[in-house]
């Protein structure tokens, strides 16, 4: 049996401070420029609730760079383990 470790992004919108570090990093990595309009993640402020909402576009390739640079912990990488079902003999 083989144990696989997979990293997934956990989103905690209540921790988002609206700094746009994730969007700026995404646009730089994928388009070579600091332009949040070209990022695969959007930070939307909900003025009524007083917090931010994080939205990923369908073109996101899940490179996880946004979570690696998030200073507030709104995006975090968490390692999940699971069995592959392959027998290791």
Protein backbone atom coordinates (compact mmCIF):
# COMPACT_ATOMS: atom_id res chain seq x y z
CA UNK A 1 0.00 0.00 0.00
CA UNK A 2 1.27 3.46 -0.89
CA UNK A 3 0.39 6.53 1.14
CA UNK A 4 -0.01 9.64 -0.99
CA UNK A 5 0.45 13.13 0.43
CA UNK A 6 -1.51 15.84 -1.32
CA UNK A 7 -1.52 19.52 -0.52
CA UNK A 8 -4.82 21.34 -0.82
CA UNK A 9 -5.72 24.99 -0.29
CA UNK A 10 -7.90 25.71 2.72
CA UNK A 11 -9.73 29.03 2.43
CA UNK A 12 -10.50 31.04 5.57
CA UNK A 13 -12.15 34.26 4.30
CA UNK A 14 -12.51 35.65 7.83
CA UNK A 15 -8.70 35.96 7.97
CA UNK A 16 -8.40 37.87 4.67
CA UNK A 17 -7.08 41.43 5.10
CA UNK A 18 -7.58 42.43 1.46
CA UNK A 19 -3.88 42.98 0.76
CA UNK A 20 -4.07 41.39 -2.74
CA UNK A 21 -0.72 39.63 -2.29
CA UNK A 22 -2.30 36.42 -3.63
CA UNK A 23 -3.69 38.11 -6.76
CA UNK A 24 -0.49 40.03 -7.46
CA UNK A 25 1.59 36.86 -7.10
CA UNK A 26 -0.78 34.90 -9.35
CA UNK A 27 -0.62 37.49 -12.11
CA UNK A 28 3.17 37.73 -11.84
CA UNK A 29 3.69 33.96 -11.95
CA UNK A 30 1.29 33.36 -14.84
CA UNK A 31 1.48 36.59 -16.86
CA UNK A 32 4.77 38.21 -15.87
CA UNK A 33 3.19 41.37 -14.47
CA UNK A 34 1.67 42.72 -11.27
CA UNK A 35 -1.92 43.09 -12.44
CA UNK A 36 -4.70 41.73 -10.23
CA UNK A 37 -7.12 41.92 -13.18
CA UNK A 38 -5.15 39.10 -14.85
CA UNK A 39 -5.03 36.90 -11.73
CA UNK A 40 -7.00 33.69 -11.31
CA UNK A 41 -8.14 34.80 -7.87
CA UNK A 42 -10.31 37.77 -6.99
CA UNK A 43 -10.66 39.51 -3.65
CA UNK A 44 -14.12 41.00 -3.28
CA UNK A 45 -14.96 43.24 -0.34
CA UNK A 46 -18.37 42.73 1.24
CA UNK A 47 -18.94 46.17 2.75
CA UNK A 48 -22.11 45.06 4.53
CA UNK A 49 -20.42 42.15 6.34
CA UNK A 50 -17.12 44.01 6.67
CA UNK A 51 -14.97 41.24 5.25
CA UNK A 52 -13.53 39.86 2.03
CA UNK A 53 -14.57 37.01 -0.22
CA UNK A 54 -12.01 35.02 -2.20
CA UNK A 55 -13.07 33.72 -5.62
CA UNK A 56 -11.06 31.51 -7.96
CA UNK A 57 -11.64 31.64 -11.71
CA UNK A 58 -12.24 28.51 -13.76
CA UNK A 59 -8.85 29.08 -15.40
CA UNK A 60 -7.01 28.51 -12.09
CA UNK A 61 -4.55 25.64 -12.51
CA UNK A 62 -4.15 25.13 -8.75
CA UNK A 63 -0.45 25.97 -8.65
CA UNK A 64 -0.96 27.01 -5.00
CA UNK A 65 1.35 30.03 -5.22
CA UNK A 66 -1.39 32.22 -3.74
CA UNK A 67 -1.47 30.14 -0.55
CA UNK A 68 2.31 30.13 -0.26
CA UNK A 69 2.44 33.93 -0.09
CA UNK A 70 -0.72 34.74 1.93
CA UNK A 71 0.46 36.73 4.97
CA UNK A 72 -2.76 36.44 6.99
CA UNK A 73 -3.54 32.74 6.70
CA UNK A 74 -6.70 33.26 4.66
CA UNK A 75 -5.21 30.80 2.16
CA UNK A 76 -3.29 27.93 3.69
CA UNK A 77 -1.74 24.75 2.33
CA UNK A 78 -2.77 21.66 4.25
CA UNK A 79 -1.34 18.23 3.62
CA UNK A 80 -3.83 15.39 3.25
CA UNK A 81 -2.79 11.78 3.23
CA UNK A 82 -4.59 8.93 1.57
CA UNK A 83 -4.05 5.44 0.28
CA UNK A 84 -3.50 4.91 -3.44
CA UNK A 85 -4.85 1.37 -3.47
CA UNK A 86 -1.63 0.15 -5.04
CA UNK A 87 -0.03 -2.79 -3.30
CA UNK A 88 3.66 -2.32 -2.70
CA UNK A 89 5.18 -5.82 -2.78
